[in-house]
Protein backbone atom coordinates (compact mmCIF):
# COMPACT_ATOMS: atom_id res chain seq x y z
CA MET A 1 -49.61 54.20 -37.22
CA LEU A 2 -50.48 52.46 -40.71
CA THR A 3 -46.92 51.44 -41.20
CA CYS A 4 -46.86 49.83 -37.46
CA VAL A 5 -50.10 47.63 -38.63
CA PHE A 6 -48.26 46.89 -41.64
CA VAL A 7 -45.10 45.43 -39.79
CA ALA A 8 -47.82 43.54 -37.53
CA SER A 9 -49.38 42.06 -40.55
CA LEU A 10 -46.15 40.88 -41.97
CA LEU A 11 -44.84 39.21 -38.60
CA ALA A 12 -48.50 37.53 -38.50
CA VAL A 13 -48.11 36.30 -41.83
CA GLY A 14 -44.92 34.83 -41.11
CA SER A 15 -46.52 33.26 -37.88
CA LEU A 16 -49.38 31.66 -39.94
CA ARG A 17 -46.99 30.15 -42.31
CA ALA A 18 -45.11 28.56 -40.01
CA ASN A 19 -48.29 27.20 -37.86
CA ALA A 20 -49.53 25.89 -41.52
CA ASP A 21 -46.33 23.82 -42.38
CA GLU A 22 -46.89 22.62 -38.56
CA ASN A 23 -50.02 21.52 -38.93
CA ARG A 24 -49.23 20.06 -42.21
CA GLU A 25 -46.66 17.60 -40.93
CA CYS A 26 -49.20 16.79 -38.04
CA ARG A 27 -51.78 15.80 -40.31
CA THR A 28 -50.29 14.01 -43.40
CA ARG A 29 -47.00 12.27 -43.79
CA ILE A 30 -44.80 10.73 -46.39
CA VAL A 31 -43.11 7.98 -44.84
CA GLY A 32 -39.78 6.37 -46.65
CA TYR A 33 -38.27 3.13 -45.99
CA LEU A 34 -34.61 3.23 -46.40
CA PRO A 35 -33.39 -0.38 -46.67
CA ASP A 36 -29.64 -1.44 -45.08
CA TRP A 37 -28.98 -3.65 -48.28
CA SER A 38 -28.90 -0.11 -50.40
CA TYR A 39 -28.29 2.66 -47.67
CA LEU A 40 -26.11 4.45 -49.47
CA GLU A 41 -28.46 5.90 -51.73
CA TYR A 42 -29.62 7.86 -48.94
CA LYS A 43 -26.80 10.39 -50.54
CA ASN A 44 -28.70 11.07 -53.45
CA ILE A 45 -32.36 11.18 -52.03
CA ASP A 46 -34.37 14.28 -51.46
CA PHE A 47 -35.17 14.07 -47.71
CA SER A 48 -37.00 17.51 -47.60
CA SER A 49 -39.70 15.54 -49.84
CA LEU A 50 -40.21 13.17 -46.40
CA THR A 51 -41.60 13.82 -43.22
CA HIS A 52 -40.28 10.33 -42.18
CA ILE A 53 -38.06 7.45 -42.63
CA ASN A 54 -37.90 4.22 -41.32
CA ILE A 55 -34.71 2.15 -41.27
CA ALA A 56 -35.45 -1.10 -42.78
CA PHE A 57 -34.46 -3.24 -40.82
CA CYS A 58 -33.23 -3.38 -37.32
CA ASN A 59 -33.53 -6.92 -35.63
CA VAL A 60 -31.83 -8.56 -32.62
CA LYS A 61 -28.23 -10.28 -33.22
CA GLY A 62 -26.86 -11.87 -30.26
CA ASP A 63 -27.29 -9.44 -27.36
CA SER A 64 -28.39 -6.52 -29.16
CA LEU A 65 -30.61 -4.75 -31.73
CA SER A 66 -28.55 -4.19 -34.77
CA CYS A 67 -28.73 -3.37 -39.08
CA GLY A 68 -26.53 -3.47 -41.52
CA ILE A 69 -25.27 0.24 -41.80
CA PRO A 70 -22.02 1.07 -40.60
CA ASP A 71 -22.14 3.42 -37.40
CA VAL A 72 -20.73 6.44 -39.50
CA GLU A 73 -23.22 6.01 -42.15
CA MET A 74 -26.09 5.51 -39.91
CA LYS A 75 -25.38 8.80 -38.07
CA ALA A 76 -25.13 10.65 -41.43
CA VAL A 77 -28.21 9.11 -42.23
CA VAL A 78 -29.87 10.62 -38.84
CA ASP A 79 -27.83 13.88 -39.15
CA LYS A 80 -29.05 14.52 -42.83
CA ALA A 81 -32.96 13.45 -41.76
CA HIS A 82 -32.87 15.90 -38.83
CA ALA A 83 -31.40 18.69 -40.92
CA ASN A 84 -34.46 18.43 -43.34
CA GLY A 85 -36.99 18.18 -40.18
CA VAL A 86 -37.54 14.35 -40.96
CA LYS A 87 -38.31 12.32 -38.27
CA ILE A 88 -36.60 8.90 -38.20
CA SER A 89 -37.08 5.39 -36.67
CA ALA A 90 -35.85 1.98 -36.26
CA ALA A 91 -38.06 -0.70 -38.14
CA LEU A 92 -38.31 -3.79 -36.73
CA GLY A 93 -38.71 -7.19 -38.34
CA GLY A 94 -39.66 -7.29 -42.25
CA GLY A 95 -40.66 -9.70 -44.50
CA GLY A 96 -38.92 -13.03 -43.66
CA TYR A 97 -38.00 -11.64 -40.37
CA GLY A 98 -40.73 -11.85 -38.13
CA GLU A 99 -39.96 -15.51 -36.86
CA PRO A 100 -37.66 -14.76 -33.65
CA TYR A 101 -40.11 -12.23 -32.36
CA ARG A 102 -42.69 -15.07 -31.28
CA GLU A 103 -39.97 -16.13 -28.84
CA LEU A 104 -38.84 -12.62 -27.81
CA ILE A 105 -42.18 -11.74 -26.76
CA SER A 106 -43.18 -15.10 -25.49
CA ASP A 107 -43.50 -13.45 -22.06
CA SER A 108 -43.07 -10.22 -19.97
CA ASP A 109 -39.79 -10.89 -19.00
CA LYS A 110 -38.65 -11.44 -22.56
CA ILE A 111 -40.60 -8.31 -23.70
CA ASN A 112 -38.72 -6.33 -21.24
CA LEU A 113 -35.42 -7.63 -22.51
CA LEU A 114 -35.98 -6.85 -25.92
CA ASN A 115 -37.69 -3.36 -25.22
CA GLN A 116 -33.88 -2.67 -23.41
CA LYS A 117 -32.27 -3.15 -26.64
CA ILE A 118 -34.74 -1.35 -28.62
CA VAL A 119 -34.17 1.74 -26.23
CA SER A 120 -30.23 1.21 -26.34
CA PHE A 121 -30.24 1.00 -30.11
CA CYS A 122 -32.76 4.17 -30.70
CA GLU A 123 -30.51 6.38 -27.96
CA LYS A 124 -27.16 5.25 -29.39
CA TYR A 125 -28.34 6.75 -32.99
CA ASN A 126 -30.60 9.52 -31.74
CA LEU A 127 -33.41 8.10 -33.35
CA ASP A 128 -37.21 9.35 -33.18
CA GLY A 129 -39.49 6.12 -32.85
CA VAL A 130 -39.83 2.55 -33.57
CA ASP A 131 -41.77 0.80 -36.11
CA LEU A 132 -42.99 -2.77 -36.21
CA ASP A 133 -43.06 -4.63 -39.40
CA ILE A 134 -44.14 -8.00 -37.95
CA GLU A 135 -45.07 -9.68 -41.12
CA LEU A 136 -46.66 -13.02 -40.03
CA GLY A 137 -49.84 -14.58 -40.70
CA SER A 138 -52.81 -13.55 -38.67
CA ASN A 139 -53.19 -17.20 -37.09
CA ASP A 140 -49.92 -17.12 -35.94
CA ALA A 141 -49.06 -17.39 -32.15
CA ILE A 142 -47.31 -14.33 -31.99
CA TRP A 143 -50.49 -12.01 -32.03
CA LYS A 144 -51.45 -13.50 -28.53
CA ASN A 145 -48.91 -11.40 -26.89
CA TYR A 146 -48.25 -8.77 -29.47
CA GLY A 147 -50.68 -6.58 -27.70
CA ALA A 148 -48.86 -6.74 -24.31
CA TRP A 149 -45.46 -5.71 -26.31
CA VAL A 150 -47.22 -2.65 -27.97
CA SER A 151 -48.61 -1.44 -25.13
CA SER A 152 -45.13 -1.67 -23.24
CA LEU A 153 -43.61 0.22 -26.08
CA ARG A 154 -46.14 2.88 -26.08
CA LYS A 155 -45.22 3.64 -22.81
CA ILE A 156 -41.52 3.67 -23.60
CA CYS A 157 -42.25 6.16 -26.74
CA ASP A 158 -44.00 8.25 -24.44
CA ALA A 159 -41.62 8.87 -21.73
CA ARG A 160 -39.34 9.85 -24.34
CA GLY A 161 -41.38 11.64 -26.70
CA TRP A 162 -40.57 9.04 -29.40
CA GLU A 163 -43.58 8.08 -32.06
CA LEU A 164 -44.98 4.13 -32.29
CA SER A 165 -46.08 3.12 -35.77
CA THR A 166 -46.38 -0.41 -37.48
CA ALA A 167 -46.43 -1.54 -41.20
CA THR A 168 -49.40 -3.74 -41.59
CA ALA A 169 -51.78 -5.68 -44.24
CA GLN A 170 -55.09 -7.35 -44.07
CA TRP A 171 -53.51 -10.81 -44.14
CA VAL A 172 -51.20 -9.94 -41.13
CA ALA A 173 -53.70 -7.85 -39.11
CA GLY A 174 -56.79 -10.54 -38.49
CA ASN A 175 -55.88 -11.01 -34.84
CA VAL A 176 -54.68 -7.58 -33.80
CA ASN A 177 -57.34 -6.10 -32.23
CA ALA A 178 -58.59 -2.14 -32.28
CA GLU A 179 -57.45 -1.58 -28.78
CA THR A 180 -53.91 -2.39 -29.95
CA PHE A 181 -54.12 -0.49 -33.19
CA ALA A 182 -55.17 2.51 -30.91
CA LEU A 183 -51.76 2.74 -29.37
CA PHE A 184 -49.89 3.50 -32.70
CA ASP A 185 -49.48 6.88 -33.62
CA PHE A 186 -49.86 5.93 -37.22
CA VAL A 187 -50.46 2.50 -39.13
CA ASN A 188 -48.59 2.32 -42.59
CA VAL A 189 -51.00 -0.03 -45.04
CA MET A 190 -49.25 -2.09 -47.52
CA ALA A 191 -51.33 -2.05 -50.38
CA TYR A 192 -49.23 -3.70 -52.57
CA ASP A 193 -48.20 -7.43 -53.32
CA ASP A 194 -51.80 -8.46 -53.83
CA ASP A 195 -52.16 -11.73 -55.62
CA SER A 196 -55.91 -12.20 -54.34
CA HIS A 197 -58.24 -10.78 -56.62
CA GLY A 198 -56.66 -12.65 -59.99
CA VAL A 199 -55.89 -9.40 -61.77
CA LYS A 200 -53.00 -8.01 -63.63
CA SER A 201 -51.70 -5.71 -60.89
CA HIS A 202 -50.09 -6.08 -57.72
CA SER A 203 -51.61 -2.51 -56.16
CA SER A 204 -54.47 -1.28 -57.91
CA TYR A 205 -56.11 1.86 -56.85
CA GLU A 206 -59.35 -0.47 -56.02
CA PHE A 207 -57.13 -2.26 -54.13
CA ALA A 208 -55.88 0.64 -51.95
CA VAL A 209 -59.32 1.68 -51.46
CA GLU A 210 -60.37 -1.79 -50.02
CA CYS A 211 -57.32 -1.83 -47.56
CA LEU A 212 -58.03 1.66 -46.11
CA ASP A 213 -61.56 0.66 -45.87
CA TYR A 214 -60.62 -2.46 -44.04
CA PHE A 215 -58.36 -0.75 -41.34
CA HIS A 216 -60.74 2.15 -40.97
CA GLY A 217 -64.12 0.30 -40.96
CA VAL A 218 -63.22 -2.82 -39.06
CA LYS A 219 -60.01 -1.89 -37.20
CA LYS A 220 -61.36 1.38 -36.45
CA ILE A 221 -58.25 3.27 -36.81
CA PRO A 222 -59.21 7.25 -37.54
CA LYS A 223 -58.56 8.26 -41.35
CA GLU A 224 -56.00 10.77 -40.29
CA ASN A 225 -53.80 7.85 -38.67
CA LEU A 226 -53.86 5.71 -41.71
CA VAL A 227 -51.04 6.04 -44.27
CA LEU A 228 -51.20 4.35 -47.64
CA GLY A 229 -48.65 2.04 -48.85
CA VAL A 230 -47.54 2.57 -52.47
CA PRO A 231 -44.85 0.50 -54.24
CA PHE A 232 -41.62 2.08 -56.19
CA TYR A 233 -41.02 -1.51 -58.08
CA GLY A 234 -43.16 -3.81 -60.34
CA ARG A 235 -43.95 -7.18 -60.71
CA GLY A 236 -45.26 -9.51 -63.25
CA TYR A 237 -47.12 -12.90 -63.08
CA ASP A 238 -46.48 -16.27 -63.79
CA GLU A 239 -48.39 -18.75 -66.30
CA ASN A 240 -50.49 -19.61 -63.13
CA GLY A 241 -51.56 -15.84 -62.62
CA SER A 242 -49.51 -16.02 -59.23
CA LEU A 243 -46.87 -13.06 -58.96
CA ASP A 244 -43.44 -13.64 -60.06
CA TRP A 245 -40.77 -12.41 -57.95
CA ASN A 246 -38.40 -13.24 -60.70
CA SER A 247 -40.26 -10.18 -62.80
CA TYR A 248 -39.42 -7.83 -59.81
CA LEU A 249 -38.29 -4.29 -61.53
CA SER A 250 -37.77 -1.08 -59.43
CA PHE A 251 -39.07 2.15 -60.85
CA SER A 252 -35.91 3.18 -62.01
CA GLU A 253 -35.03 0.14 -64.06
CA ILE A 254 -38.44 0.64 -65.59
CA ILE A 255 -37.81 4.17 -66.75
CA GLU A 256 -33.95 3.27 -67.83
CA LYS A 257 -35.67 0.84 -70.20
CA ASP A 258 -37.90 3.67 -71.79
CA THR A 259 -38.98 6.91 -70.17
CA SER A 260 -42.54 6.69 -71.85
CA ASN A 261 -43.37 4.17 -68.84
CA PHE A 262 -43.39 7.29 -66.52
CA ASN A 263 -47.05 7.54 -66.91
CA SER A 264 -47.94 3.91 -67.71
CA ASP A 265 -48.60 0.92 -65.21
CA GLU A 266 -47.65 -2.00 -67.07
CA TYR A 267 -44.32 -3.02 -69.10
CA MET A 268 -43.64 -5.73 -70.60
CA GLY A 269 -46.25 -7.56 -68.18
CA VAL A 270 -44.75 -6.13 -65.27
CA ALA A 271 -47.65 -4.15 -63.26
CA TYR A 272 -46.37 -0.94 -61.16
CA THR A 273 -47.75 2.43 -60.21
CA GLY A 274 -47.11 4.75 -62.59
CA ALA A 275 -47.28 8.70 -62.71
CA ASN A 276 -50.83 8.65 -63.14
CA SER A 277 -51.88 6.29 -60.99
CA MET A 278 -49.55 7.94 -58.47
CA ARG A 279 -51.48 10.97 -58.66
CA GLU A 280 -54.87 9.04 -58.08
CA LYS A 281 -53.41 7.27 -54.87
CA CYS A 282 -52.20 10.50 -53.71
CA GLY A 283 -55.72 11.99 -53.90
CA LEU A 284 -57.13 9.02 -52.06
CA ALA A 285 -54.16 9.58 -49.51
CA LYS A 286 -55.01 13.19 -48.75
CA GLU A 287 -58.27 12.05 -47.32
CA TYR A 288 -56.02 9.72 -44.68
CA GLY A 289 -52.81 10.62 -43.23
CA GLY A 290 -50.69 10.62 -46.23
CA VAL A 291 -48.24 8.05 -48.28
CA MET A 292 -45.82 5.35 -47.32
CA ILE A 293 -43.03 4.33 -49.99
CA TRP A 294 -41.75 0.85 -50.20
CA GLU A 295 -38.93 1.78 -50.65
CA ILE A 296 -37.22 5.05 -51.19
CA THR A 297 -33.84 3.67 -52.73
CA LEU A 298 -36.11 2.27 -56.04
CA ASP A 299 -37.20 5.72 -57.41
CA ALA A 300 -35.91 6.90 -60.83
CA GLU A 301 -34.36 10.59 -60.83
CA GLY A 302 -34.76 13.90 -61.80
CA GLU A 303 -38.08 14.64 -63.69
CA TYR A 304 -39.11 11.14 -63.03
CA SER A 305 -38.96 10.96 -59.50
CA LEU A 306 -42.27 9.42 -58.01
CA LEU A 307 -41.00 11.06 -54.75
CA SER A 308 -41.30 14.47 -56.04
CA LEU A 309 -44.35 13.93 -57.76
CA ILE A 310 -45.93 12.41 -54.23
CA ARG A 311 -44.49 15.58 -52.64
CA ARG A 312 -46.22 18.00 -55.01
CA GLU A 313 -49.61 16.24 -54.75
CA ILE A 314 -49.48 15.88 -51.32
CA PHE A 315 -48.24 19.40 -50.11
CA PRO A 316 -49.15 21.25 -53.27
CA PRO A 317 -49.13 24.91 -51.28
CA LEU A 318 -45.43 24.05 -50.45
CA ILE A 319 -44.15 22.71 -54.09
CA ALA A 320 -40.98 24.48 -53.67
CA PRO A 321 -39.61 25.40 -50.28
CA ASP A 322 -38.57 29.04 -49.41
CA THR A 323 -35.36 29.93 -51.30
CA SER A 324 -32.88 31.76 -49.37
CA ALA A 325 -33.57 34.82 -51.89
CA GLU A 326 -37.19 34.91 -50.58
CA LYS A 327 -36.44 34.83 -47.13
CA GLU A 328 -33.71 37.65 -47.69
CA VAL A 329 -36.54 39.85 -49.44
CA ASN A 330 -38.81 38.84 -46.47
CA VAL A 331 -36.46 40.42 -43.78
CA ALA A 332 -35.39 43.23 -45.60
CA LEU A 333 -39.44 43.94 -46.39
CA ILE A 334 -39.82 43.70 -42.47
CA ILE A 335 -36.81 45.54 -41.67
CA SER A 336 -37.85 48.43 -44.04
CA ALA A 337 -41.38 48.63 -42.62
CA THR A 338 -39.81 48.94 -39.18
CA ALA A 339 -37.51 51.83 -40.00
CA LEU A 340 -40.38 53.61 -41.59
CA CYS A 341 -42.46 52.89 -38.26
CA PHE A 342 -39.88 54.51 -36.60
CA VAL A 343 -39.55 57.67 -38.99
CA SER A 344 -43.03 58.08 -38.75
CA ALA A 345 -43.32 57.80 -34.94
CA VAL A 346 -40.59 60.30 -34.45
CA THR A 347 -42.35 62.73 -37.00
CA VAL A 348 -45.74 62.50 -35.29
CA THR A 349 -43.90 63.30 -32.36
CA VAL A 350 -42.38 66.34 -33.54
CA PHE A 351 -45.38 67.73 -35.11
CA THR A 352 -47.16 67.47 -32.00
CA ALA A 353 -44.81 69.28 -30.03
CA LEU A 354 -44.72 71.92 -32.49
CA PHE A 355 -48.60 72.23 -32.77
CA LEU A 356 -48.79 72.24 -28.87
CA ARG A 357 -45.96 74.97 -28.38
CA LYS A 358 -48.17 77.44 -31.29
CA ARG A 359 -50.96 77.04 -29.02
CA SER A 360 -49.58 77.75 -25.88
CA PRO A 361 -49.81 81.26 -24.19
CA GLU A 362 -46.49 83.45 -24.43
């Protein structure tokens, strides 16, 4: 009987581990944007360190929605994501690509037409959702119809089991009401490219706190639905103290120049989020809905990978996934315990029969 209890315990532990992993993914996210201009880097990226991938960007061209990734490669990206249990979505808009949506959602008929193109695209590539990245100023006319568009997409996603998310910032969100934000499964907060504080960092920890406070306190978004955006790049400042795009450096380039930059936040006047600051931000993000990365192809490799660091910080109990050897050991233990349980039951049956035979009258 004790052996049987042992078997049951092993099976229960396996069930608990599965449930814990499922709850982990529901509670906390690691979202990476994969841009179509450097999509081939997907072959080198550890998808198992992500929970979500957003294809940046998918926009209307002619009569359909499209992106710059060829069909064969797009399907390969989706297959790799799904093989690693990662949800993959089409990200619409993007910096400098939001203006056409002003007309595309200007009335209900145009919204329906746009949504048909979105559904066709997502179904063609077996995607898992839609991400809206409309980066227009908060006073833009687009926000007048934005709520109706999001509401219609919510119904579409619900009917298909898709997720609906958005990437936003304070300068974008002023005229998006709390009711509209509540329609999203989660909200990616772009806490970078900040030049409003006159500080020499475009993505400080303090700015991250300010952004999350705004969307939680003002826009009433639950903490678990807020995902903190972090940059995998650095930017410097011009002589006037404004952010200088000409100084843009990817994190991989910063590490290539000097690996000691890994733990720093500044290199030759270029500010970025290094390992120590990223750990701090991950600690903050664990109080919310996780981390969003712009963007995953900018990462360094090997021991200097920020994505690997984020995975370890966000999911510490699961630093390393189960190896095949570990799985074989677990299976062997269960089989052995089951065999012992069977032998024990047979032994008890035999001894019981002998005992009863001895006690019975001749």
